[in-house]
């Protein structure tokens, strides 16, 4: 109901977007001015980097490693 009150050109405030994960993909697209969410680009780059080393599909995900990468992304350490 209240969504009708928000202007169509509404842009997110970068100061209020403090992390990538748990943020709406629409918000990320508007914030970074991309055609796809920045997190998709980051994940693609990380997968491509890992494929060149060991073959990403031959390894199981390690929860510790996944959480470490997720924290790096939220802290902006893997951002372009």
Protein backbone atom coordinates (compact mmCIF):
# COMPACT_ATOMS: atom_id res chain seq x y z
CA UNK A 1 0.00 0.00 0.00
CA UNK A 2 2.70 2.53 0.95
CA UNK A 3 4.77 1.60 -2.13
CA UNK A 4 2.53 3.91 -4.18
CA UNK A 5 3.97 6.85 -2.23
CA UNK A 6 7.59 6.13 -3.25
CA UNK A 7 8.70 7.96 -6.41
CA UNK A 8 9.72 5.80 -9.41
CA UNK A 9 13.18 7.37 -9.51
CA UNK A 10 13.85 6.53 -5.86
CA UNK A 11 17.53 5.84 -5.24
CA UNK A 12 18.94 4.10 -2.17
CA UNK A 13 21.11 6.08 0.21
CA UNK A 14 24.64 4.55 0.08
CA UNK A 15 25.14 5.36 3.77
CA UNK A 16 22.23 3.09 4.66
CA UNK A 17 23.39 0.12 2.56
CA UNK A 18 26.03 -1.36 4.82
CA UNK A 19 26.36 -4.83 3.33
CA UNK A 20 25.85 -6.74 0.11
CA UNK A 21 24.28 -9.91 1.51
CA UNK A 22 20.80 -9.55 2.94
CA UNK A 23 20.22 -6.47 0.77
CA UNK A 24 17.54 -6.41 -1.91
CA UNK A 25 18.97 -7.11 -5.38
CA UNK A 26 16.91 -4.21 -6.74
CA UNK A 27 18.52 -1.90 -4.18
CA UNK A 28 22.00 -3.07 -5.23
CA UNK A 29 21.28 -2.53 -8.93
CA UNK A 30 20.02 1.00 -8.27
CA UNK A 31 22.86 1.82 -5.88
CA UNK A 32 25.68 0.68 -8.20
CA UNK A 33 23.97 1.59 -11.49
CA UNK A 34 24.49 -1.87 -12.96
CA UNK A 35 22.30 -4.05 -15.15
CA UNK A 36 22.74 -6.94 -12.73
CA UNK A 37 23.42 -6.96 -9.00
CA UNK A 38 27.07 -6.33 -8.08
CA UNK A 39 27.05 -9.52 -5.99
CA UNK A 40 26.46 -11.53 -9.17
CA UNK A 41 29.55 -9.93 -10.75
CA UNK A 42 31.64 -10.63 -7.64
CA UNK A 43 30.54 -14.27 -7.51
CA UNK A 44 31.24 -14.78 -11.22
CA UNK A 45 34.73 -13.29 -10.86
CA UNK A 46 35.48 -15.46 -7.83
CA UNK A 47 34.26 -18.61 -9.61
CA UNK A 48 36.32 -17.79 -12.69
CA UNK A 49 39.38 -17.20 -10.51
CA UNK A 50 38.93 -20.54 -8.78
CA UNK A 51 38.25 -22.46 -12.00
CA UNK A 52 41.61 -21.41 -13.36
CA UNK A 53 43.31 -22.86 -10.27
CA UNK A 54 41.64 -26.14 -9.33
CA UNK A 55 38.33 -26.59 -11.10
CA UNK A 56 35.56 -25.26 -8.90
CA UNK A 57 33.21 -28.18 -9.56
CA UNK A 58 35.65 -30.73 -8.15
CA UNK A 59 35.57 -29.27 -4.64
CA UNK A 60 32.89 -29.25 -1.98
CA UNK A 61 32.09 -25.95 -0.33
CA UNK A 62 33.71 -25.39 3.04
CA UNK A 63 31.40 -23.51 5.42
CA UNK A 64 34.32 -21.64 7.00
CA UNK A 65 35.61 -20.55 3.57
CA UNK A 66 32.12 -19.54 2.41
CA UNK A 67 31.59 -17.41 5.52
CA UNK A 68 35.04 -15.84 5.08
CA UNK A 69 34.26 -14.86 1.46
CA UNK A 70 30.82 -13.58 2.46
CA UNK A 71 32.39 -11.35 5.14
CA UNK A 72 35.00 -10.07 2.66
CA UNK A 73 32.23 -9.13 0.21
CA UNK A 74 30.22 -7.36 2.93
CA UNK A 75 33.34 -5.43 3.97
CA UNK A 76 33.98 -4.36 0.37
CA UNK A 77 37.24 -6.30 0.10
CA UNK A 78 36.24 -8.16 -3.09
CA UNK A 79 34.51 -5.19 -4.71
CA UNK A 80 35.93 -3.75 -7.91
